[in-house]
Amino acid sequence: MDAGTVSALACALPTRKSDQSCAPALALFLSTPERRGPAPQTLLMELFGLTPAEARVAGALANGARTVDVAKDLGVSQTTIAFHMRNLFQKTGTNRQADLVALILAGAMMIRSD
């Protein structure tokens, strides 16, 4: 495996009031393209509260599609994709496409661990 193909996502974990150390904690998710499968739409809908259309757009982006290609594949305008993207950013707390894709991939990895 080429070391350049590994994706990493670090997420801060919430601290518990009962934890006396108050030490920061994080989760690190590593993924390689050959081990990554498409994120199921139902999973994306449940994890992030997405509509079916938003889940289709999010899944396509997570699989590497460009927004222009997503619009073409779904038979909608780029304006419609932009509308879905705005909703995706709002529902996931992200503001960049790269962050959105990383979050989608991490969510799928958390649920589908081997």
PDB file of N, CA and C in Angstrom:
ATOM      1  N   MET A   1       0.844  -1.189   0.000  1.00  0.00           N
ATOM      2  CA  MET A   1       0.000   0.000   0.000  1.00  0.00           C
ATOM      3  C   MET A   1       0.880   1.239   0.000  1.00  0.00           C
ATOM      4  N   ASP A   2       0.543   2.189  -0.819  1.00  0.00           N
ATOM      5  CA  ASP A   2       1.231   3.466  -0.876  1.00  0.00           C
ATOM      6  C   ASP A   2       0.788   4.316   0.311  1.00  0.00           C
ATOM      7  N   ALA A   3       1.733   4.818   1.082  1.00  0.00           N
ATOM      8  CA  ALA A   3       1.400   5.596   2.281  1.00  0.00           C
ATOM      9  C   ALA A   3       0.608   6.852   1.937  1.00  0.00           C
ATOM     10  N   GLY A   4       0.681   7.321   0.694  1.00  0.00           N
ATOM     11  CA  GLY A   4      -0.047   8.509   0.293  1.00  0.00           C
ATOM     12  C   GLY A   4      -1.537   8.284   0.131  1.00  0.00           C
ATOM     13  N   THR A   5      -2.015   7.052   0.206  1.00  0.00           N
ATOM     14  CA  THR A   5      -3.433   6.774  -0.007  1.00  0.00           C
ATOM     15  C   THR A   5      -4.215   6.623   1.289  1.00  0.00           C
ATOM     16  N   VAL A   6      -3.605   6.888   2.409  1.00  0.00           N
ATOM     17  CA  VAL A   6      -4.290   6.738   3.693  1.00  0.00           C
ATOM     18  C   VAL A   6      -4.958   8.062   4.060  1.00  0.00           C
ATOM     19  N   SER A   7      -6.248   7.989   4.379  1.00  0.00           N
ATOM     20  CA  SER A   7      -6.982   9.155   4.867  1.00  0.00           C
ATOM     21  C   SER A   7      -7.057   9.064   6.376  1.00  0.00           C
ATOM     22  N   ALA A   8      -6.917  10.191   7.032  1.00  0.00           N
ATOM     23  CA  ALA A   8      -6.994  10.228   8.494  1.00  0.00           C
ATOM     24  C   ALA A   8      -7.972  11.305   8.916  1.00  0.00           C
ATOM     25  N   LEU A   9      -8.738  10.993   9.962  1.00  0.00           N
ATOM     26  CA  LEU A   9      -9.664  11.956  10.534  1.00  0.00           C
ATOM     27  C   LEU A   9      -9.539  11.871  12.042  1.00  0.00           C
ATOM     28  N   ALA A  10      -9.269  12.993  12.674  1.00  0.00           N
ATOM     29  CA  ALA A  10      -9.182  13.051  14.130  1.00  0.00           C
ATOM     30  C   ALA A  10     -10.400  13.805  14.650  1.00  0.00           C
ATOM     31  N   CYS A  11     -11.065  13.234  15.650  1.00  0.00           N
ATOM     32  CA  CYS A  11     -12.262  13.839  16.240  1.00  0.00           C
ATOM     33  C   CYS A  11     -12.072  13.964  17.744  1.00  0.00           C
ATOM     34  N   ALA A  12     -12.348  15.138  18.264  1.00  0.00           N
ATOM     35  CA  ALA A  12     -12.290  15.333  19.717  1.00  0.00           C
ATOM     36  C   ALA A  12     -13.438  14.584  20.362  1.00  0.00           C
ATOM     37  N   LEU A  13     -13.164  13.934  21.472  1.00  0.00           N
ATOM     38  CA  LEU A  13     -14.192  13.207  22.211  1.00  0.00           C
ATOM     39  C   LEU A  13     -14.640  14.049  23.399  1.00  0.00           C
ATOM     40  N   PRO A  14     -15.923  14.006  23.709  1.00  0.00           N
ATOM     41  CA  PRO A  14     -16.406  14.790  24.854  1.00  0.00           C
ATOM     42  C   PRO A  14     -15.862  14.226  26.154  1.00  0.00           C
ATOM     43  N   THR A  15     -15.621  15.116  27.104  1.00  0.00           N
ATOM     44  CA  THR A  15     -15.155  14.670  28.416  1.00  0.00           C
ATOM     45  C   THR A  15     -16.370  14.440  29.314  1.00  0.00           C
ATOM     46  N   ARG A  16     -16.190  13.559  30.260  1.00  0.00           N
ATOM     47  CA  ARG A  16     -17.266  13.251  31.209  1.00  0.00           C
ATOM     48  C   ARG A  16     -17.009  14.007  32.504  1.00  0.00           C
ATOM     49  N   LYS A  17     -18.066  14.424  33.119  1.00  0.00           N
ATOM     50  CA  LYS A  17     -17.925  15.136  34.390  1.00  0.00           C
ATOM     51  C   LYS A  17     -17.307  14.246  35.456  1.00  0.00           C
ATOM     52  N   SER A  18     -17.521  12.934  35.334  1.00  0.00           N
ATOM     53  CA  SER A  18     -16.976  12.005  36.321  1.00  0.00           C
ATOM     54  C   SER A  18     -15.483  11.736  36.106  1.00  0.00           C
ATOM     55  N   ASP A  19     -14.947  12.173  34.968  1.00  0.00           N
ATOM     56  CA  ASP A  19     -13.529  11.962  34.665  1.00  0.00           C
ATOM     57  C   ASP A  19     -12.710  13.023  35.397  1.00  0.00           C
ATOM     58  N   GLN A  20     -11.973  12.609  36.422  1.00  0.00           N
ATOM     59  CA  GLN A  20     -11.213  13.539  37.251  1.00  0.00           C
ATOM     60  C   GLN A  20      -9.998  14.115  36.529  1.00  0.00           C
ATOM     61  N   SER A  21      -9.468  13.386  35.541  1.00  0.00           N
ATOM     62  CA  SER A  21      -8.238  13.842  34.894  1.00  0.00           C
ATOM     63  C   SER A  21      -8.468  15.016  33.953  1.00  0.00           C
ATOM     64  N   CYS A  22      -9.668  15.125  33.399  1.00  0.00           N
ATOM     65  CA  CYS A  22      -9.993  16.174  32.423  1.00  0.00           C
ATOM     66  C   CYS A  22      -8.999  16.198  31.266  1.00  0.00           C
ATOM     67  N   ALA A  23      -8.362  15.073  31.020  1.00  0.00           N
ATOM     68  CA  ALA A  23      -7.402  14.992  29.919  1.00  0.00           C
ATOM     69  C   ALA A  23      -8.154  14.983  28.592  1.00  0.00           C
ATOM     70  N   PRO A  24      -7.651  15.723  27.621  1.00  0.00           N
ATOM     71  CA  PRO A  24      -8.305  15.699  26.317  1.00  0.00           C
ATOM     72  C   PRO A  24      -8.194  14.308  25.695  1.00  0.00           C
ATOM     73  N   ALA A  25      -9.205  13.928  24.943  1.00  0.00           N
ATOM     74  CA  ALA A  25      -9.212  12.628  24.273  1.00  0.00           C
ATOM     75  C   ALA A  25      -9.671  12.824  22.837  1.00  0.00           C
ATOM     76  N   LEU A  26      -9.172  11.971  21.978  1.00  0.00           N
ATOM     77  CA  LEU A  26      -9.604  12.039  20.597  1.00  0.00           C
ATOM     78  C   LEU A  26      -9.671  10.647  20.000  1.00  0.00           C
ATOM     79  N   ALA A  27     -10.414  10.546  18.915  1.00  0.00           N
ATOM     80  CA  ALA A  27     -10.499   9.303  18.143  1.00  0.00           C
ATOM     81  C   ALA A  27      -9.845   9.570  16.802  1.00  0.00           C
ATOM     82  N   LEU A  28      -9.052   8.626  16.352  1.00  0.00           N
ATOM     83  CA  LEU A  28      -8.375   8.749  15.072  1.00  0.00           C
ATOM     84  C   LEU A  28      -8.891   7.649  14.158  1.00  0.00           C
ATOM     85  N   PHE A  29      -9.425   8.032  12.996  1.00  0.00           N
ATOM     86  CA  PHE A  29      -9.951   7.088  12.022  1.00  0.00           C
ATOM     87  C   PHE A  29      -9.047   7.094  10.801  1.00  0.00           C
ATOM     88  N   LEU A  30      -8.574   5.916  10.415  1.00  0.00           N
ATOM     89  CA  LEU A  30      -7.726   5.765   9.240  1.00  0.00           C
ATOM     90  C   LEU A  30      -8.475   4.943   8.204  1.00  0.00           C
ATOM     91  N   SER A  31      -8.310   5.323   6.950  1.00  0.00           N
ATOM     92  CA  SER A  31      -9.013   4.626   5.888  1.00  0.00           C
ATOM     93  C   SER A  31      -8.162   4.639   4.621  1.00  0.00           C
ATOM     94  N   THR A  32      -8.206   3.531   3.902  1.00  0.00           N
ATOM     95  CA  THR A  32      -7.553   3.456   2.596  1.00  0.00           C
ATOM     96  C   THR A  32      -8.639   3.288   1.539  1.00  0.00           C
ATOM     97  N   PRO A  33      -8.437   3.831   0.351  1.00  0.00           N
ATOM     98  CA  PRO A  33      -9.480   3.761  -0.681  1.00  0.00           C
ATOM     99  C   PRO A  33      -9.934   2.339  -1.008  1.00  0.00           C
ATOM    100  N   GLU A  34      -9.022   1.378  -1.006  1.00  0.00           N
ATOM    101  CA  GLU A  34      -9.413   0.010  -1.368  1.00  0.00           C
ATOM    102  C   GLU A  34     -10.243  -0.677  -0.284  1.00  0.00           C
ATOM    103  N   ARG A  35     -10.209  -0.183   0.946  1.00  0.00           N
ATOM    104  CA  ARG A  35     -10.987  -0.771   2.036  1.00  0.00           C
ATOM    105  C   ARG A  35     -12.296  -0.017   2.269  1.00  0.00           C
ATOM    106  N   ARG A  36     -12.464   1.086   1.583  1.00  0.00           N
ATOM    107  CA  ARG A  36     -13.610   1.949   1.804  1.00  0.00           C
ATOM    108  C   ARG A  36     -14.736   1.553   0.857  1.00  0.00           C
ATOM    109  N   GLY A  37     -15.905   1.301   1.394  1.00  0.00           N
ATOM    110  CA  GLY A  37     -17.072   1.018   0.578  1.00  0.00           C
ATOM    111  C   GLY A  37     -17.994   2.216   0.572  1.00  0.00           C
ATOM    112  N   PRO A  38     -18.980   2.197  -0.286  1.00  0.00           N
ATOM    113  CA  PRO A  38     -19.911   3.328  -0.296  1.00  0.00           C
ATOM    114  C   PRO A  38     -20.722   3.378   0.994  1.00  0.00           C
ATOM    115  N   ALA A  39     -20.959   4.575   1.463  1.00  0.00           N
ATOM    116  CA  ALA A  39     -21.754   4.750   2.682  1.00  0.00           C
ATOM    117  C   ALA A  39     -23.226   4.532   2.333  1.00  0.00           C
ATOM    118  N   PRO A  40     -23.898   3.626   3.026  1.00  0.00           N
ATOM    119  CA  PRO A  40     -25.320   3.389   2.743  1.00  0.00           C
ATOM    120  C   PRO A  40     -26.154   4.645   3.006  1.00  0.00           C
ATOM    121  N   GLN A  41     -27.081   4.935   2.113  1.00  0.00           N
ATOM    122  CA  GLN A  41     -27.912   6.126   2.249  1.00  0.00           C
ATOM    123  C   GLN A  41     -28.710   6.120   3.544  1.00  0.00           C
ATOM    124  N   THR A  42     -29.212   4.961   3.944  1.00  0.00           N
ATOM    125  CA  THR A  42     -29.996   4.910   5.174  1.00  0.00           C
ATOM    126  C   THR A  42     -29.137   5.255   6.388  1.00  0.00           C
ATOM    127  N   LEU A  43     -27.882   4.843   6.348  1.00  0.00           N
ATOM    128  CA  LEU A  43     -26.963   5.173   7.435  1.00  0.00           C
ATOM    129  C   LEU A  43     -26.740   6.679   7.505  1.00  0.00           C
ATOM    130  N   LEU A  44     -26.509   7.306   6.356  1.00  0.00           N
ATOM    131  CA  LEU A  44     -26.296   8.756   6.322  1.00  0.00           C
ATOM    132  C   LEU A  44     -27.542   9.494   6.812  1.00  0.00           C
ATOM    133  N   MET A  45     -28.706   8.987   6.442  1.00  0.00           N
ATOM    134  CA  MET A  45     -29.950   9.622   6.888  1.00  0.00           C
ATOM    135  C   MET A  45     -30.082   9.545   8.404  1.00  0.00           C
ATOM    136  N   GLU A  46     -29.743   8.396   8.976  1.00  0.00           N
ATOM    137  CA  GLU A  46     -29.859   8.227  10.425  1.00  0.00           C
ATOM    138  C   GLU A  46     -28.789   9.001  11.192  1.00  0.00           C
ATOM    139  N   LEU A  47     -27.548   8.944  10.712  1.00  0.00           N
ATOM    140  CA  LEU A  47     -26.448   9.602  11.419  1.00  0.00           C
ATOM    141  C   LEU A  47     -26.581  11.122  11.447  1.00  0.00           C
ATOM    142  N   PHE A  48     -26.996  11.698  10.329  1.00  0.00           N
ATOM    143  CA  PHE A  48     -26.959  13.152  10.197  1.00  0.00           C
ATOM    144  C   PHE A  48     -28.325  13.799   9.994  1.00  0.00           C
ATOM    145  N   GLY A  49     -29.394  13.000  10.015  1.00  0.00           N
ATOM    146  CA  GLY A  49     -30.730  13.558   9.834  1.00  0.00           C
ATOM    147  C   GLY A  49     -30.968  14.078   8.429  1.00  0.00           C
ATOM    148  N   LEU A  50     -30.432  13.375   7.431  1.00  0.00           N
ATOM    149  CA  LEU A  50     -30.540  13.822   6.045  1.00  0.00           C
ATOM    150  C   LEU A  50     -31.823  13.324   5.391  1.00  0.00           C
ATOM    151  N   THR A  51     -32.259  14.061   4.386  1.00  0.00           N
ATOM    152  CA  THR A  51     -33.349  13.599   3.537  1.00  0.00           C
ATOM    153  C   THR A  51     -32.769  12.586   2.555  1.00  0.00           C
ATOM    154  N   PRO A  52     -33.611  11.804   1.883  1.00  0.00           N
ATOM    155  CA  PRO A  52     -33.083  10.867   0.883  1.00  0.00           C
ATOM    156  C   PRO A  52     -32.255  11.556  -0.211  1.00  0.00           C
ATOM    157  N   ALA A  53     -32.703  12.711  -0.674  1.00  0.00           N
ATOM    158  CA  ALA A  53     -31.948  13.427  -1.717  1.00  0.00           C
ATOM    159  C   ALA A  53     -30.595  13.896  -1.186  1.00  0.00           C
ATOM    160  N   GLU A  54     -30.572  14.423   0.022  1.00  0.00           N
ATOM    161  CA  GLU A  54     -29.306  14.858   0.621  1.00  0.00           C
ATOM    162  C   GLU A  54     -28.370  13.673   0.812  1.00  0.00           C
ATOM    163  N   ALA A  55     -28.920  12.536   1.205  1.00  0.00           N
ATOM    164  CA  ALA A  55     -28.098  11.336   1.402  1.00  0.00           C
ATOM    165  C   ALA A  55     -27.502  10.866   0.077  1.00  0.00           C
ATOM    166  N   ARG A  56     -28.267  10.960  -1.013  1.00  0.00           N
ATOM    167  CA  ARG A  56     -27.731  10.586  -2.331  1.00  0.00           C
ATOM    168  C   ARG A  56     -26.572  11.495  -2.720  1.00  0.00           C
ATOM    169  N   VAL A  57     -26.738  12.790  -2.497  1.00  0.00           N
ATOM    170  CA  VAL A  57     -25.675  13.749  -2.823  1.00  0.00           C
ATOM    171  C   VAL A  57     -24.457  13.490  -1.951  1.00  0.00           C
ATOM    172  N   ALA A  58     -24.664  13.321  -0.654  1.00  0.00           N
ATOM    173  CA  ALA A  58     -23.553  13.080   0.267  1.00  0.00           C
ATOM    174  C   ALA A  58     -22.811  11.799  -0.084  1.00  0.00           C
ATOM    175  N   GLY A  59     -23.549  10.744  -0.385  1.00  0.00           N
ATOM    176  CA  GLY A  59     -22.931   9.480  -0.748  1.00  0.00           C
ATOM    177  C   GLY A  59     -22.119   9.580  -2.019  1.00  0.00           C
ATOM    178  N   ALA A  60     -22.640  10.297  -2.998  1.00  0.00           N
ATOM    179  CA  ALA A  60     -21.909  10.471  -4.254  1.00  0.00           C
ATOM    180  C   ALA A  60     -20.624  11.254  -4.030  1.00  0.00           C
ATOM    181  N   LEU A  61     -20.691  12.298  -3.215  1.00  0.00           N
ATOM    182  CA  LEU A  61     -19.487  13.082  -2.914  1.00  0.00           C
ATOM    183  C   LEU A  61     -18.458  12.241  -2.175  1.00  0.00           C
ATOM    184  N   ALA A  62     -18.925  11.427  -1.229  1.00  0.00           N
ATOM    185  CA  ALA A  62     -18.018  10.568  -0.469  1.00  0.00           C
ATOM    186  C   ALA A  62     -17.354   9.531  -1.362  1.00  0.00           C
ATOM    187  N   ASN A  63     -18.008   9.176  -2.468  1.00  0.00           N
ATOM    188  CA  ASN A  63     -17.432   8.225  -3.416  1.00  0.00           C
ATOM    189  C   ASN A  63     -16.543   8.906  -4.449  1.00  0.00           C
ATOM    190  N   GLY A  64     -16.313  10.214  -4.288  1.00  0.00           N
ATOM    191  CA  GLY A  64     -15.372  10.915  -5.144  1.00  0.00           C
ATOM    192  C   GLY A  64     -15.972  11.663  -6.310  1.00  0.00           C
ATOM    193  N   ALA A  65     -17.291  11.721  -6.404  1.00  0.00           N
ATOM    194  CA  ALA A  65     -17.921  12.430  -7.518  1.00  0.00           C
ATOM    195  C   ALA A  65     -17.816  13.940  -7.325  1.00  0.00           C
ATOM    196  N   ARG A  66     -17.724  14.640  -8.432  1.00  0.00           N
ATOM    197  CA  ARG A  66     -17.749  16.110  -8.416  1.00  0.00           C
ATOM    198  C   ARG A  66     -19.201  16.560  -8.425  1.00  0.00           C
ATOM    199  N   THR A  67     -19.459  17.755  -7.914  1.00  0.00           N
ATOM    200  CA  THR A  67     -20.839  18.239  -7.826  1.00  0.00           C
ATOM    201  C   THR A  67     -21.490  18.310  -9.202  1.00  0.00           C
ATOM    202  N   VAL A  68     -20.750  18.689 -10.215  1.00  0.00           N
ATOM    203  CA  VAL A  68     -21.315  18.759 -11.564  1.00  0.00           C
ATOM    204  C   VAL A  68     -21.732  17.370 -12.046  1.00  0.00           C
ATOM    205  N   ASP A  69     -20.959  16.361 -11.697  1.00  0.00           N
ATOM    206  CA  ASP A  69     -21.310  14.993 -12.068  1.00  0.00           C
ATOM    207  C   ASP A  69     -22.504  14.480 -11.267  1.00  0.00           C
ATOM    208  N   VAL A  70     -22.588  14.876 -10.006  1.00  0.00           N
ATOM    209  CA  VAL A  70     -23.724  14.478  -9.174  1.00  0.00           C
ATOM    210  C   VAL A  70     -25.009  15.051  -9.767  1.00  0.00           C
ATOM    211  N   ALA A  71     -24.959  16.312 -10.157  1.00  0.00           N
ATOM    212  CA  ALA A  71     -26.135  16.947 -10.763  1.00  0.00           C
ATOM    213  C   ALA A  71     -26.555  16.188 -12.020  1.00  0.00           C
ATOM    214  N   LYS A  72     -25.594  15.856 -12.858  1.00  0.00           N
ATOM    215  CA  LYS A  72     -25.895  15.138 -14.099  1.00  0.00           C
ATOM    216  C   LYS A  72     -26.468  13.756 -13.812  1.00  0.00           C
ATOM    217  N   ASP A  73     -25.843  13.021 -12.883  1.00  0.00           N
ATOM    218  CA  ASP A  73     -26.296  11.667 -12.550  1.00  0.00           C
ATOM    219  C   ASP A  73     -27.696  11.651 -11.947  1.00  0.00           C
ATOM    220  N   LEU A  74     -28.011  12.672 -11.148  1.00  0.00           N
ATOM    221  CA  LEU A  74     -29.320  12.730 -10.504  1.00  0.00           C
ATOM    222  C   LEU A  74     -30.367  13.427 -11.365  1.00  0.00           C
ATOM    223  N   GLY A  75     -29.931  14.009 -12.484  1.00  0.00           N
ATOM    224  CA  GLY A  75     -30.867  14.684 -13.378  1.00  0.00           C
ATOM    225  C   GLY A  75     -31.428  15.970 -12.810  1.00  0.00           C
ATOM    226  N   VAL A  76     -30.598  16.692 -12.051  1.00  0.00           N
ATOM    227  CA  VAL A  76     -31.021  17.963 -11.462  1.00  0.00           C
ATOM    228  C   VAL A  76     -30.017  19.043 -11.840  1.00  0.00           C
ATOM    229  N   SER A  77     -30.363  20.281 -11.555  1.00  0.00           N
ATOM    230  CA  SER A  77     -29.466  21.394 -11.868  1.00  0.00           C
ATOM    231  C   SER A  77     -28.375  21.529 -10.806  1.00  0.00           C
ATOM    232  N   GLN A  78     -27.343  22.266 -11.162  1.00  0.00           N
ATOM    233  CA  GLN A  78     -26.272  22.534 -10.195  1.00  0.00           C
ATOM    234  C   GLN A  78     -26.784  23.418  -9.061  1.00  0.00           C
ATOM    235  N   THR A  79     -27.809  24.225  -9.340  1.00  0.00           N
ATOM    236  CA  THR A  79     -28.426  25.041  -8.291  1.00  0.00           C
ATOM    237  C   THR A  79     -29.074  24.148  -7.237  1.00  0.00           C
ATOM    238  N   THR A  80     -29.709  23.072  -7.686  1.00  0.00           N
ATOM    239  CA  THR A  80     -30.323  22.120  -6.752  1.00  0.00           C
ATOM    240  C   THR A  80     -29.250  21.448  -5.899  1.00  0.00           C
ATOM    241  N   ILE A  81     -28.131  21.095  -6.517  1.00  0.00           N
ATOM    242  CA  ILE A  81     -27.024  20.486  -5.762  1.00  0.00           C
ATOM    243  C   ILE A  81     -26.486  21.484  -4.745  1.00  0.00           C
ATOM    244  N   ALA A  82     -26.356  22.754  -5.140  1.00  0.00           N
ATOM    245  CA  ALA A  82     -25.887  23.789  -4.214  1.00  0.00           C
ATOM    246  C   ALA A  82     -26.844  23.918  -3.028  1.00  0.00           C
ATOM    247  N   PHE A  83     -28.143  23.822  -3.275  1.00  0.00           N
ATOM    248  CA  PHE A  83     -29.144  23.867  -2.206  1.00  0.00           C
ATOM    249  C   PHE A  83     -28.939  22.694  -1.245  1.00  0.00           C
ATOM    250  N   HIS A  84     -28.757  21.484  -1.807  1.00  0.00           N
ATOM    251  CA  HIS A  84     -28.517  20.312  -0.961  1.00  0.00           C
ATOM    252  C   HIS A  84     -27.204  20.446  -0.193  1.00  0.00           C
ATOM    253  N   MET A  85     -26.195  20.991  -0.843  1.00  0.00           N
ATOM    254  CA  MET A  85     -24.899  21.176  -0.175  1.00  0.00           C
ATOM    255  C   MET A  85     -25.050  22.108   1.030  1.00  0.00           C
ATOM    256  N   ARG A  86     -25.794  23.187   0.854  1.00  0.00           N
ATOM    257  CA  ARG A  86     -26.010  24.121   1.974  1.00  0.00           C
ATOM    258  C   ARG A  86     -26.679  23.396   3.136  1.00  0.00           C
ATOM    259  N   ASN A  87     -27.682  22.570   2.829  1.00  0.00           N
ATOM    260  CA  ASN A  87     -28.353  21.802   3.875  1.00  0.00           C
ATOM    261  C   ASN A  87     -27.410  20.791   4.519  1.00  0.00           C
ATOM    262  N   LEU A  88     -26.577  20.138   3.702  1.00  0.00           N
ATOM    263  CA  LEU A  88     -25.610  19.173   4.234  1.00  0.00           C
ATOM    264  C   LEU A  88     -24.635  19.848   5.186  1.00  0.00           C
ATOM    265  N   PHE A  89     -24.136  21.009   4.809  1.00  0.00           N
ATOM    266  CA  PHE A  89     -23.202  21.732   5.674  1.00  0.00           C
ATOM    267  C   PHE A  89     -23.876  22.095   6.994  1.00  0.00           C
ATOM    268  N   GLN A  90     -25.111  22.551   6.904  1.00  0.00           N
ATOM    269  CA  GLN A  90     -25.828  22.944   8.116  1.00  0.00           C
ATOM    270  C   GLN A  90     -26.086  21.737   9.026  1.00  0.00           C
ATOM    271  N   LYS A  91     -26.530  20.633   8.467  1.00  0.00           N
ATOM    272  CA  LYS A  91     -26.884  19.466   9.269  1.00  0.00           C
ATOM    273  C   LYS A  91     -25.674  18.740   9.847  1.00  0.00           C
ATOM    274  N   THR A  92     -24.522  18.856   9.190  1.00  0.00           N
ATOM    275  CA  THR A  92     -23.330  18.162   9.671  1.00  0.00           C
ATOM    276  C   THR A  92     -22.380  19.082  10.435  1.00  0.00           C
ATOM    277  N   GLY A  93     -22.667  20.360  10.460  1.00  0.00           N
ATOM    278  CA  GLY A  93     -21.791  21.300  11.158  1.00  0.00           C
ATOM    279  C   GLY A  93     -20.472  21.520  10.441  1.00  0.00           C
ATOM    280  N   THR A  94     -20.454  21.303   9.146  1.00  0.00           N
ATOM    281  CA  THR A  94     -19.251  21.527   8.349  1.00  0.00           C
ATOM    282  C   THR A  94     -19.459  22.754   7.474  1.00  0.00           C
ATOM    283  N   ASN A  95     -18.369  23.240   6.877  1.00  0.00           N
ATOM    284  CA  ASN A  95     -18.514  24.372   5.965  1.00  0.00           C
ATOM    285  C   ASN A  95     -17.643  24.245   4.716  1.00  0.00           C
ATOM    286  N   ARG A  96     -16.994  23.118   4.554  1.00  0.00           N
ATOM    287  CA  ARG A  96     -16.202  22.844   3.349  1.00  0.00           C
ATOM    288  C   ARG A  96     -16.521  21.438   2.866  1.00  0.00           C
ATOM    289  N   GLN A  97     -16.474  21.245   1.561  1.00  0.00           N
ATOM    290  CA  GLN A  97     -16.783  19.942   0.998  1.00  0.00           C
ATOM    291  C   GLN A  97     -15.825  18.872   1.509  1.00  0.00           C
ATOM    292  N   ALA A  98     -14.557  19.200   1.645  1.00  0.00           N
ATOM    293  CA  ALA A  98     -13.577  18.217   2.138  1.00  0.00           C
ATOM    294  C   ALA A  98     -13.920  17.760   3.558  1.00  0.00           C
ATOM    295  N   ASP A  99     -14.346  18.694   4.413  1.00  0.00           N
ATOM    296  CA  ASP A  99     -14.738  18.336   5.777  1.00  0.00           C
ATOM    297  C   ASP A  99     -16.000  17.484   5.784  1.00  0.00           C
ATOM    298  N   LEU A 100     -16.928  17.813   4.907  1.00  0.00           N
ATOM    299  CA  LEU A 100     -18.163  17.040   4.791  1.00  0.00           C
ATOM    300  C   LEU A 100     -17.859  15.604   4.392  1.00  0.00           C
ATOM    301  N   VAL A 101     -17.024  15.428   3.377  1.00  0.00           N
ATOM    302  CA  VAL A 101     -16.671  14.087   2.908  1.00  0.00           C
ATOM    303  C   VAL A 101     -15.941  13.315   4.001  1.00  0.00           C
ATOM    304  N   ALA A 102     -15.017  13.966   4.694  1.00  0.00           N
ATOM    305  CA  ALA A 102     -14.293  13.295   5.783  1.00  0.00           C
ATOM    306  C   ALA A 102     -15.252  12.834   6.877  1.00  0.00           C
ATOM    307  N   LEU A 103     -16.223  13.660   7.206  1.00  0.00           N
ATOM    308  CA  LEU A 103     -17.199  13.301   8.239  1.00  0.00           C
ATOM    309  C   LEU A 103     -18.070  12.131   7.784  1.00  0.00           C
ATOM    310  N   ILE A 104     -18.493  12.147   6.536  1.00  0.00           N
ATOM    311  CA  ILE A 104     -19.314  11.054   5.999  1.00  0.00           C
ATOM    312  C   ILE A 104     -18.534   9.748   6.039  1.00  0.00           C
ATOM    313  N   LEU A 105     -17.292   9.798   5.604  1.00  0.00           N
ATOM    314  CA  LEU A 105     -16.469   8.590   5.606  1.00  0.00           C
ATOM    315  C   LEU A 105     -16.205   8.095   7.022  1.00  0.00           C
ATOM    316  N   ALA A 106     -15.977   9.010   7.944  1.00  0.00           N
ATOM    317  CA  ALA A 106     -15.745   8.612   9.336  1.00  0.00           C
ATOM    318  C   ALA A 106     -16.998   7.998   9.935  1.00  0.00           C
ATOM    319  N   GLY A 107     -18.154   8.568   9.633  1.00  0.00           N
ATOM    320  CA  GLY A 107     -19.400   8.008  10.141  1.00  0.00           C
ATOM    321  C   GLY A 107     -19.621   6.596   9.674  1.00  0.00           C
ATOM    322  N   ALA A 108     -19.346   6.358   8.404  1.00  0.00           N
ATOM    323  CA  ALA A 108     -19.480   5.010   7.860  1.00  0.00           C
ATOM    324  C   ALA A 108     -18.469   4.060   8.476  1.00  0.00           C
ATOM    325  N   MET A 109     -17.248   4.547   8.740  1.00  0.00           N
ATOM    326  CA  MET A 109     -16.223   3.697   9.344  1.00  0.00           C
ATOM    327  C   MET A 109     -16.598   3.322  10.769  1.00  0.00           C
ATOM    328  N   MET A 110     -17.209   4.249  11.494  1.00  0.00           N
ATOM    329  CA  MET A 110     -17.577   3.967  12.882  1.00  0.00           C
ATOM    330  C   MET A 110     -18.608   2.848  12.960  1.00  0.00           C
ATOM    331  N   ILE A 111     -19.508   2.809  12.026  1.00  0.00           N
ATOM    332  CA  ILE A 111     -20.571   1.810  12.043  1.00  0.00           C
ATOM    333  C   ILE A 111     -20.101   0.488  11.454  1.00  0.00           C
ATOM    334  N   ARG A 112     -19.330   0.528  10.374  1.00  0.00           N
ATOM    335  CA  ARG A 112     -18.930  -0.677   9.669  1.00  0.00           C
ATOM    336  C   ARG A 112     -17.499  -1.069   9.975  1.00  0.00           C
ATOM    337  N   SER A 113     -17.173  -1.338  11.193  1.00  0.00           N
ATOM    338  CA  SER A 113     -15.822  -1.778  11.506  1.00  0.00           C
ATOM    339  C   SER A 113     -15.735  -3.291  11.279  1.00  0.00           C
ATOM    340  N   ASP A 114     -14.610  -3.738  10.775  1.00  0.00           N
ATOM    341  CA  ASP A 114     -14.436  -5.175  10.517  1.00  0.00           C
ATOM    342  C   ASP A 114     -14.142  -5.842  11.813  1.00  0.00           C
TER     343      ASP A 114
END
